[in-house]
Amino acid sequence: MNPILALLKEHNVSDDQTRSVFQALTENPLMAMTTVQELGIPQDKLQSLMMLLMQQPNLIKEAVEELGLDFSKVEAAKASLNK
């Protein structure tokens, strides 16, 4: 299992909440951070999750694919942030 998804499951984040986080990530990455913070994950675990995402962004793609979402939307969101 993807380590991002495993961490969310470890903290009892529901499948619906997980999909919401990654849906927000595909539409508006900045908004996704707010959504993640509202999940009730302890600060130290949240910080390690953020570091994992920054160091291994490929994990986002893996998680999105594992959830059956459209990764091209993540790429489009990333491109719009870089403008």
PDB file of N, CA and C in Angstrom:
ATOM      1  N   MET A   1       0.850  -1.186   0.000  1.00  0.00           N
ATOM      2  CA  MET A   1       0.000   0.000   0.000  1.00  0.00           C
ATOM      3  C   MET A   1       0.888   1.239   0.000  1.00  0.00           C
ATOM      4  N   ASN A   2       0.437   2.237  -0.677  1.00  0.00           N
ATOM      5  CA  ASN A   2       1.120   3.519  -0.729  1.00  0.00           C
ATOM      6  C   ASN A   2       1.284   4.063   0.696  1.00  0.00           C
ATOM      7  N   PRO A   3       2.479   4.581   1.052  1.00  0.00           N
ATOM      8  CA  PRO A   3       2.699   5.058   2.420  1.00  0.00           C
ATOM      9  C   PRO A   3       1.800   6.227   2.823  1.00  0.00           C
ATOM     10  N   ILE A   4       1.387   7.032   1.866  1.00  0.00           N
ATOM     11  CA  ILE A   4       0.469   8.141   2.180  1.00  0.00           C
ATOM     12  C   ILE A   4      -0.875   7.565   2.594  1.00  0.00           C
ATOM     13  N   LEU A   5      -1.374   6.626   1.798  1.00  0.00           N
ATOM     14  CA  LEU A   5      -2.660   6.001   2.107  1.00  0.00           C
ATOM     15  C   LEU A   5      -2.577   5.206   3.410  1.00  0.00           C
ATOM     16  N   ALA A   6      -1.449   4.552   3.635  1.00  0.00           N
ATOM     17  CA  ALA A   6      -1.265   3.779   4.871  1.00  0.00           C
ATOM     18  C   ALA A   6      -1.318   4.702   6.092  1.00  0.00           C
ATOM     19  N   LEU A   7      -0.672   5.860   6.011  1.00  0.00           N
ATOM     20  CA  LEU A   7      -0.679   6.802   7.135  1.00  0.00           C
ATOM     21  C   LEU A   7      -2.088   7.310   7.396  1.00  0.00           C
ATOM     22  N   LEU A   8      -2.821   7.602   6.337  1.00  0.00           N
ATOM     23  CA  LEU A   8      -4.198   8.068   6.512  1.00  0.00           C
ATOM     24  C   LEU A   8      -5.056   6.983   7.156  1.00  0.00           C
ATOM     25  N   LYS A   9      -4.898   5.740   6.712  1.00  0.00           N
ATOM     26  CA  LYS A   9      -5.660   4.628   7.308  1.00  0.00           C
ATOM     27  C   LYS A   9      -5.280   4.418   8.774  1.00  0.00           C
ATOM     28  N   GLU A  10      -3.982   4.565   9.063  1.00  0.00           N
ATOM     29  CA  GLU A  10      -3.492   4.399  10.439  1.00  0.00           C
ATOM     30  C   GLU A  10      -4.173   5.378  11.385  1.00  0.00           C
ATOM     31  N   HIS A  11      -4.552   6.533  10.871  1.00  0.00           N
ATOM     32  CA  HIS A  11      -5.197   7.549  11.698  1.00  0.00           C
ATOM     33  C   HIS A  11      -6.703   7.600  11.467  1.00  0.00           C
ATOM     34  N   ASN A  12      -7.232   6.460  11.027  1.00  0.00           N
ATOM     35  CA  ASN A  12      -8.679   6.282  10.882  1.00  0.00           C
ATOM     36  C   ASN A  12      -9.337   7.295   9.963  1.00  0.00           C
ATOM     37  N   VAL A  13      -8.628   7.719   8.925  1.00  0.00           N
ATOM     38  CA  VAL A  13      -9.216   8.592   7.921  1.00  0.00           C
ATOM     39  C   VAL A  13     -10.017   7.693   6.985  1.00  0.00           C
ATOM     40  N   SER A  14     -11.279   8.012   6.827  1.00  0.00           N
ATOM     41  CA  SER A  14     -12.156   7.161   6.013  1.00  0.00           C
ATOM     42  C   SER A  14     -11.759   7.209   4.538  1.00  0.00           C
ATOM     43  N   ASP A  15     -12.229   6.229   3.796  1.00  0.00           N
ATOM     44  CA  ASP A  15     -11.973   6.188   2.354  1.00  0.00           C
ATOM     45  C   ASP A  15     -12.549   7.427   1.671  1.00  0.00           C
ATOM     46  N   ASP A  16     -13.728   7.863   2.124  1.00  0.00           N
ATOM     47  CA  ASP A  16     -14.344   9.060   1.545  1.00  0.00           C
ATOM     48  C   ASP A  16     -13.490  10.297   1.807  1.00  0.00           C
ATOM     49  N   GLN A  17     -12.972  10.415   3.036  1.00  0.00           N
ATOM     50  CA  GLN A  17     -12.113  11.554   3.363  1.00  0.00           C
ATOM     51  C   GLN A  17     -10.822  11.505   2.545  1.00  0.00           C
ATOM     52  N   THR A  18     -10.270  10.307   2.376  1.00  0.00           N
ATOM     53  CA  THR A  18      -9.048  10.145   1.593  1.00  0.00           C
ATOM     54  C   THR A  18      -9.290  10.572   0.154  1.00  0.00           C
ATOM     55  N   ARG A  19     -10.395  10.117  -0.415  1.00  0.00           N
ATOM     56  CA  ARG A  19     -10.724  10.520  -1.789  1.00  0.00           C
ATOM     57  C   ARG A  19     -10.914  12.035  -1.870  1.00  0.00           C
ATOM     58  N   SER A  20     -11.528  12.627  -0.858  1.00  0.00           N
ATOM     59  CA  SER A  20     -11.731  14.085  -0.848  1.00  0.00           C
ATOM     60  C   SER A  20     -10.401  14.825  -0.848  1.00  0.00           C
ATOM     61  N   VAL A  21      -9.457  14.323  -0.059  1.00  0.00           N
ATOM     62  CA  VAL A  21      -8.127  14.955  -0.004  1.00  0.00           C
ATOM     63  C   VAL A  21      -7.477  14.915  -1.383  1.00  0.00           C
ATOM     64  N   PHE A  22      -7.494  13.753  -2.011  1.00  0.00           N
ATOM     65  CA  PHE A  22      -6.838  13.642  -3.310  1.00  0.00           C
ATOM     66  C   PHE A  22      -7.626  14.331  -4.413  1.00  0.00           C
ATOM     67  N   GLN A  23      -8.937  14.406  -4.266  1.00  0.00           N
ATOM     68  CA  GLN A  23      -9.733  15.184  -5.219  1.00  0.00           C
ATOM     69  C   GLN A  23      -9.376  16.659  -5.091  1.00  0.00           C
ATOM     70  N   ALA A  24      -9.260  17.143  -3.842  1.00  0.00           N
ATOM     71  CA  ALA A  24      -8.849  18.534  -3.625  1.00  0.00           C
ATOM     72  C   ALA A  24      -7.449  18.768  -4.173  1.00  0.00           C
ATOM     73  N   LEU A  25      -6.583  17.783  -4.006  1.00  0.00           N
ATOM     74  CA  LEU A  25      -5.217  17.893  -4.516  1.00  0.00           C
ATOM     75  C   LEU A  25      -5.206  18.033  -6.034  1.00  0.00           C
ATOM     76  N   THR A  26      -6.102  17.323  -6.705  1.00  0.00           N
ATOM     77  CA  THR A  26      -6.145  17.416  -8.164  1.00  0.00           C
ATOM     78  C   THR A  26      -6.735  18.740  -8.638  1.00  0.00           C
ATOM     79  N   GLU A  27      -7.594  19.333  -7.819  1.00  0.00           N
ATOM     80  CA  GLU A  27      -8.253  20.575  -8.229  1.00  0.00           C
ATOM     81  C   GLU A  27      -7.539  21.821  -7.730  1.00  0.00           C
ATOM     82  N   ASN A  28      -7.056  21.774  -6.492  1.00  0.00           N
ATOM     83  CA  ASN A  28      -6.422  22.948  -5.908  1.00  0.00           C
ATOM     84  C   ASN A  28      -5.471  22.483  -4.804  1.00  0.00           C
ATOM     85  N   PRO A  29      -4.195  22.293  -5.133  1.00  0.00           N
ATOM     86  CA  PRO A  29      -3.238  21.751  -4.158  1.00  0.00           C
ATOM     87  C   PRO A  29      -3.143  22.552  -2.860  1.00  0.00           C
ATOM     88  N   LEU A  30      -3.271  23.861  -2.929  1.00  0.00           N
ATOM     89  CA  LEU A  30      -3.205  24.661  -1.710  1.00  0.00           C
ATOM     90  C   LEU A  30      -4.395  24.374  -0.802  1.00  0.00           C
ATOM     91  N   MET A  31      -5.552  24.200  -1.393  1.00  0.00           N
ATOM     92  CA  MET A  31      -6.747  23.877  -0.618  1.00  0.00           C
ATOM     93  C   MET A  31      -6.624  22.485  -0.001  1.00  0.00           C
ATOM     94  N   ALA A  32      -5.941  21.593  -0.676  1.00  0.00           N
ATOM     95  CA  ALA A  32      -5.768  20.237  -0.166  1.00  0.00           C
ATOM     96  C   ALA A  32      -5.024  20.245   1.166  1.00  0.00           C
ATOM     97  N   MET A  33      -4.071  21.152   1.319  1.00  0.00           N
ATOM     98  CA  MET A  33      -3.324  21.226   2.572  1.00  0.00           C
ATOM     99  C   MET A  33      -4.253  21.557   3.737  1.00  0.00           C
ATOM    100  N   THR A  34      -5.210  22.444   3.499  1.00  0.00           N
ATOM    101  CA  THR A  34      -6.194  22.779   4.532  1.00  0.00           C
ATOM    102  C   THR A  34      -7.038  21.555   4.857  1.00  0.00           C
ATOM    103  N   THR A  35      -7.444  20.832   3.835  1.00  0.00           N
ATOM    104  CA  THR A  35      -8.247  19.625   4.023  1.00  0.00           C
ATOM    105  C   THR A  35      -7.487  18.589   4.843  1.00  0.00           C
ATOM    106  N   VAL A  36      -6.199  18.416   4.536  1.00  0.00           N
ATOM    107  CA  VAL A  36      -5.365  17.454   5.266  1.00  0.00           C
ATOM    108  C   VAL A  36      -5.260  17.845   6.738  1.00  0.00           C
ATOM    109  N   GLN A  37      -5.099  19.125   7.010  1.00  0.00           N
ATOM    110  CA  GLN A  37      -4.961  19.583   8.390  1.00  0.00           C
ATOM    111  C   GLN A  37      -6.230  19.360   9.196  1.00  0.00           C
ATOM    112  N   GLU A  38      -7.363  19.279   8.530  1.00  0.00           N
ATOM    113  CA  GLU A  38      -8.647  19.087   9.216  1.00  0.00           C
ATOM    114  C   GLU A  38      -8.951  17.617   9.523  1.00  0.00           C
ATOM    115  N   LEU A  39      -8.053  16.714   9.158  1.00  0.00           N
ATOM    116  CA  LEU A  39      -8.306  15.287   9.355  1.00  0.00           C
ATOM    117  C   LEU A  39      -8.018  14.812  10.773  1.00  0.00           C
ATOM    118  N   GLY A  40      -7.401  15.637  11.576  1.00  0.00           N
ATOM    119  CA  GLY A  40      -7.117  15.267  12.953  1.00  0.00           C
ATOM    120  C   GLY A  40      -5.876  14.408  13.133  1.00  0.00           C
ATOM    121  N   ILE A  41      -4.978  14.452  12.167  1.00  0.00           N
ATOM    122  CA  ILE A  41      -3.723  13.705  12.274  1.00  0.00           C
ATOM    123  C   ILE A  41      -2.799  14.488  13.208  1.00  0.00           C
ATOM    124  N   PRO A  42      -2.160  13.816  14.171  1.00  0.00           N
ATOM    125  CA  PRO A  42      -1.252  14.520  15.090  1.00  0.00           C
ATOM    126  C   PRO A  42      -0.176  15.289  14.323  1.00  0.00           C
ATOM    127  N   GLN A  43       0.219  16.428  14.871  1.00  0.00           N
ATOM    128  CA  GLN A  43       1.142  17.339  14.198  1.00  0.00           C
ATOM    129  C   GLN A  43       2.438  16.657  13.742  1.00  0.00           C
ATOM    130  N   ASP A  44       3.020  15.801  14.585  1.00  0.00           N
ATOM    131  CA  ASP A  44       4.277  15.159  14.197  1.00  0.00           C
ATOM    132  C   ASP A  44       4.087  14.229  12.998  1.00  0.00           C
ATOM    133  N   LYS A  45       2.975  13.514  12.959  1.00  0.00           N
ATOM    134  CA  LYS A  45       2.690  12.631  11.826  1.00  0.00           C
ATOM    135  C   LYS A  45       2.359  13.441  10.572  1.00  0.00           C
ATOM    136  N   LEU A  46       1.644  14.547  10.777  1.00  0.00           N
ATOM    137  CA  LEU A  46       1.297  15.420   9.662  1.00  0.00           C
ATOM    138  C   LEU A  46       2.561  16.010   9.046  1.00  0.00           C
ATOM    139  N   GLN A  47       3.489  16.402   9.896  1.00  0.00           N
ATOM    140  CA  GLN A  47       4.751  16.960   9.421  1.00  0.00           C
ATOM    141  C   GLN A  47       5.546  15.912   8.643  1.00  0.00           C
ATOM    142  N   SER A  48       5.584  14.678   9.136  1.00  0.00           N
ATOM    143  CA  SER A  48       6.311  13.634   8.412  1.00  0.00           C
ATOM    144  C   SER A  48       5.620  13.310   7.087  1.00  0.00           C
ATOM    145  N   LEU A  49       4.297  13.397   7.048  1.00  0.00           N
ATOM    146  CA  LEU A  49       3.558  13.188   5.804  1.00  0.00           C
ATOM    147  C   LEU A  49       3.930  14.264   4.784  1.00  0.00           C
ATOM    148  N   MET A  50       3.984  15.508   5.225  1.00  0.00           N
ATOM    149  CA  MET A  50       4.328  16.612   4.324  1.00  0.00           C
ATOM    150  C   MET A  50       5.758  16.452   3.798  1.00  0.00           C
ATOM    151  N   MET A  51       6.669  16.033   4.657  1.00  0.00           N
ATOM    152  CA  MET A  51       8.049  15.814   4.224  1.00  0.00           C
ATOM    153  C   MET A  51       8.111  14.689   3.186  1.00  0.00           C
ATOM    154  N   LEU A  52       7.355  13.643   3.429  1.00  0.00           N
ATOM    155  CA  LEU A  52       7.306  12.520   2.499  1.00  0.00           C
ATOM    156  C   LEU A  52       6.804  12.986   1.130  1.00  0.00           C
ATOM    157  N   LEU A  53       5.772  13.809   1.132  1.00  0.00           N
ATOM    158  CA  LEU A  53       5.219  14.326  -0.118  1.00  0.00           C
ATOM    159  C   LEU A  53       6.222  15.200  -0.858  1.00  0.00           C
ATOM    160  N   MET A  54       6.965  16.008  -0.117  1.00  0.00           N
ATOM    161  CA  MET A  54       7.946  16.897  -0.752  1.00  0.00           C
ATOM    162  C   MET A  54       9.147  16.117  -1.283  1.00  0.00           C
ATOM    163  N   GLN A  55       9.561  15.094  -0.554  1.00  0.00           N
ATOM    164  CA  GLN A  55      10.740  14.327  -0.954  1.00  0.00           C
ATOM    165  C   GLN A  55      10.432  13.287  -2.027  1.00  0.00           C
ATOM    166  N   GLN A  56       9.203  12.796  -2.046  1.00  0.00           N
ATOM    167  CA  GLN A  56       8.826  11.748  -2.997  1.00  0.00           C
ATOM    168  C   GLN A  56       7.479  12.065  -3.652  1.00  0.00           C
ATOM    169  N   PRO A  57       7.437  13.106  -4.484  1.00  0.00           N
ATOM    170  CA  PRO A  57       6.154  13.491  -5.095  1.00  0.00           C
ATOM    171  C   PRO A  57       5.533  12.389  -5.952  1.00  0.00           C
ATOM    172  N   ASN A  58       6.336  11.416  -6.372  1.00  0.00           N
ATOM    173  CA  ASN A  58       5.786  10.299  -7.146  1.00  0.00           C
ATOM    174  C   ASN A  58       4.749   9.519  -6.333  1.00  0.00           C
ATOM    175  N   LEU A  59       4.820   9.612  -4.999  1.00  0.00           N
ATOM    176  CA  LEU A  59       3.842   8.916  -4.153  1.00  0.00           C
ATOM    177  C   LEU A  59       2.439   9.476  -4.347  1.00  0.00           C
ATOM    178  N   ILE A  60       2.361  10.756  -4.703  1.00  0.00           N
ATOM    179  CA  ILE A  60       1.046  11.360  -4.970  1.00  0.00           C
ATOM    180  C   ILE A  60       0.429  10.669  -6.181  1.00  0.00           C
ATOM    181  N   LYS A  61       1.235  10.513  -7.229  1.00  0.00           N
ATOM    182  CA  LYS A  61       0.736   9.860  -8.444  1.00  0.00           C
ATOM    183  C   LYS A  61       0.286   8.436  -8.134  1.00  0.00           C
ATOM    184  N   GLU A  62       1.104   7.707  -7.372  1.00  0.00           N
ATOM    185  CA  GLU A  62       0.750   6.337  -7.017  1.00  0.00           C
ATOM    186  C   GLU A  62      -0.561   6.281  -6.244  1.00  0.00           C
ATOM    187  N   ALA A  63      -0.725   7.194  -5.280  1.00  0.00           N
ATOM    188  CA  ALA A  63      -1.945   7.205  -4.468  1.00  0.00           C
ATOM    189  C   ALA A  63      -3.156   7.557  -5.315  1.00  0.00           C
ATOM    190  N   VAL A  64      -3.000   8.545  -6.196  1.00  0.00           N
ATOM    191  CA  VAL A  64      -4.104   8.947  -7.065  1.00  0.00           C
ATOM    192  C   VAL A  64      -4.522   7.775  -7.954  1.00  0.00           C
ATOM    193  N   GLU A  65      -3.528   7.078  -8.503  1.00  0.00           N
ATOM    194  CA  GLU A  65      -3.842   5.916  -9.349  1.00  0.00           C
ATOM    195  C   GLU A  65      -4.493   4.792  -8.540  1.00  0.00           C
ATOM    196  N   GLU A  66      -3.994   4.577  -7.316  1.00  0.00           N
ATOM    197  CA  GLU A  66      -4.558   3.534  -6.459  1.00  0.00           C
ATOM    198  C   GLU A  66      -6.014   3.831  -6.109  1.00  0.00           C
ATOM    199  N   LEU A  67      -6.336   5.122  -6.002  1.00  0.00           N
ATOM    200  CA  LEU A  67      -7.700   5.530  -5.686  1.00  0.00           C
ATOM    201  C   LEU A  67      -8.591   5.597  -6.928  1.00  0.00           C
ATOM    202  N   GLY A  68      -7.976   5.441  -8.110  1.00  0.00           N
ATOM    203  CA  GLY A  68      -8.755   5.474  -9.344  1.00  0.00           C
ATOM    204  C   GLY A  68      -9.121   6.871  -9.799  1.00  0.00           C
ATOM    205  N   LEU A  69      -8.327   7.871  -9.401  1.00  0.00           N
ATOM    206  CA  LEU A  69      -8.585   9.253  -9.814  1.00  0.00           C
ATOM    207  C   LEU A  69      -7.749   9.585 -11.042  1.00  0.00           C
ATOM    208  N   ASP A  70      -7.981  10.756 -11.600  1.00  0.00           N
ATOM    209  CA  ASP A  70      -7.314  11.182 -12.834  1.00  0.00           C
ATOM    210  C   ASP A  70      -6.070  12.002 -12.515  1.00  0.00           C
ATOM    211  N   PHE A  71      -4.879  11.416 -12.751  1.00  0.00           N
ATOM    212  CA  PHE A  71      -3.630  12.104 -12.430  1.00  0.00           C
ATOM    213  C   PHE A  71      -3.385  13.303 -13.335  1.00  0.00           C
ATOM    214  N   SER A  72      -3.947  13.336 -14.531  1.00  0.00           N
ATOM    215  CA  SER A  72      -3.722  14.470 -15.420  1.00  0.00           C
ATOM    216  C   SER A  72      -4.216  15.767 -14.787  1.00  0.00           C
ATOM    217  N   LYS A  73      -5.220  15.672 -13.921  1.00  0.00           N
ATOM    218  CA  LYS A  73      -5.703  16.865 -13.223  1.00  0.00           C
ATOM    219  C   LYS A  73      -4.669  17.371 -12.226  1.00  0.00           C
ATOM    220  N   VAL A  74      -3.915  16.458 -11.614  1.00  0.00           N
ATOM    221  CA  VAL A  74      -2.829  16.861 -10.710  1.00  0.00           C
ATOM    222  C   VAL A  74      -1.775  17.624 -11.502  1.00  0.00           C
ATOM    223  N   GLU A  75      -1.423  17.101 -12.667  1.00  0.00           N
ATOM    224  CA  GLU A  75      -0.420  17.752 -13.521  1.00  0.00           C
ATOM    225  C   GLU A  75      -0.899  19.133 -13.945  1.00  0.00           C
ATOM    226  N   ALA A  76      -2.170  19.269 -14.304  1.00  0.00           N
ATOM    227  CA  ALA A  76      -2.717  20.554 -14.714  1.00  0.00           C
ATOM    228  C   ALA A  76      -2.695  21.544 -13.561  1.00  0.00           C
ATOM    229  N   ALA A  77      -3.040  21.079 -12.360  1.00  0.00           N
ATOM    230  CA  ALA A  77      -3.006  21.944 -11.179  1.00  0.00           C
ATOM    231  C   ALA A  77      -1.584  22.407 -10.882  1.00  0.00           C
ATOM    232  N   LYS A  78      -0.641  21.492 -11.000  1.00  0.00           N
ATOM    233  CA  LYS A  78       0.763  21.820 -10.768  1.00  0.00           C
ATOM    234  C   LYS A  78       1.247  22.854 -11.777  1.00  0.00           C
ATOM    235  N   ALA A  79       0.862  22.695 -13.023  1.00  0.00           N
ATOM    236  CA  ALA A  79       1.255  23.640 -14.071  1.00  0.00           C
ATOM    237  C   ALA A  79       0.674  25.025 -13.805  1.00  0.00           C
ATOM    238  N   SER A  80      -0.558  25.080 -13.333  1.00  0.00           N
ATOM    239  CA  SER A  80      -1.168  26.385 -13.053  1.00  0.00           C
ATOM    240  C   SER A  80      -0.496  27.072 -11.876  1.00  0.00           C
ATOM    241  N   LEU A  81       0.023  26.297 -10.931  1.00  0.00           N
ATOM    242  CA  LEU A  81       0.753  26.888  -9.799  1.00  0.00           C
ATOM    243  C   LEU A  81       2.097  27.440 -10.231  1.00  0.00           C
ATOM    244  N   ASN A  82       2.692  26.845 -11.241  1.00  0.00           N
ATOM    245  CA  ASN A  82       4.008  27.269 -11.703  1.00  0.00           C
ATOM    246  C   ASN A  82       3.959  28.509 -12.583  1.00  0.00           C
ATOM    247  N   LYS A  83       2.773  28.980 -12.938  1.00  0.00           N
ATOM    248  CA  LYS A  83       2.647  30.167 -13.800  1.00  0.00           C
ATOM    249  C   LYS A  83       2.811  31.432 -13.018  1.00  0.00           C
TER     250      LYS A  83
END
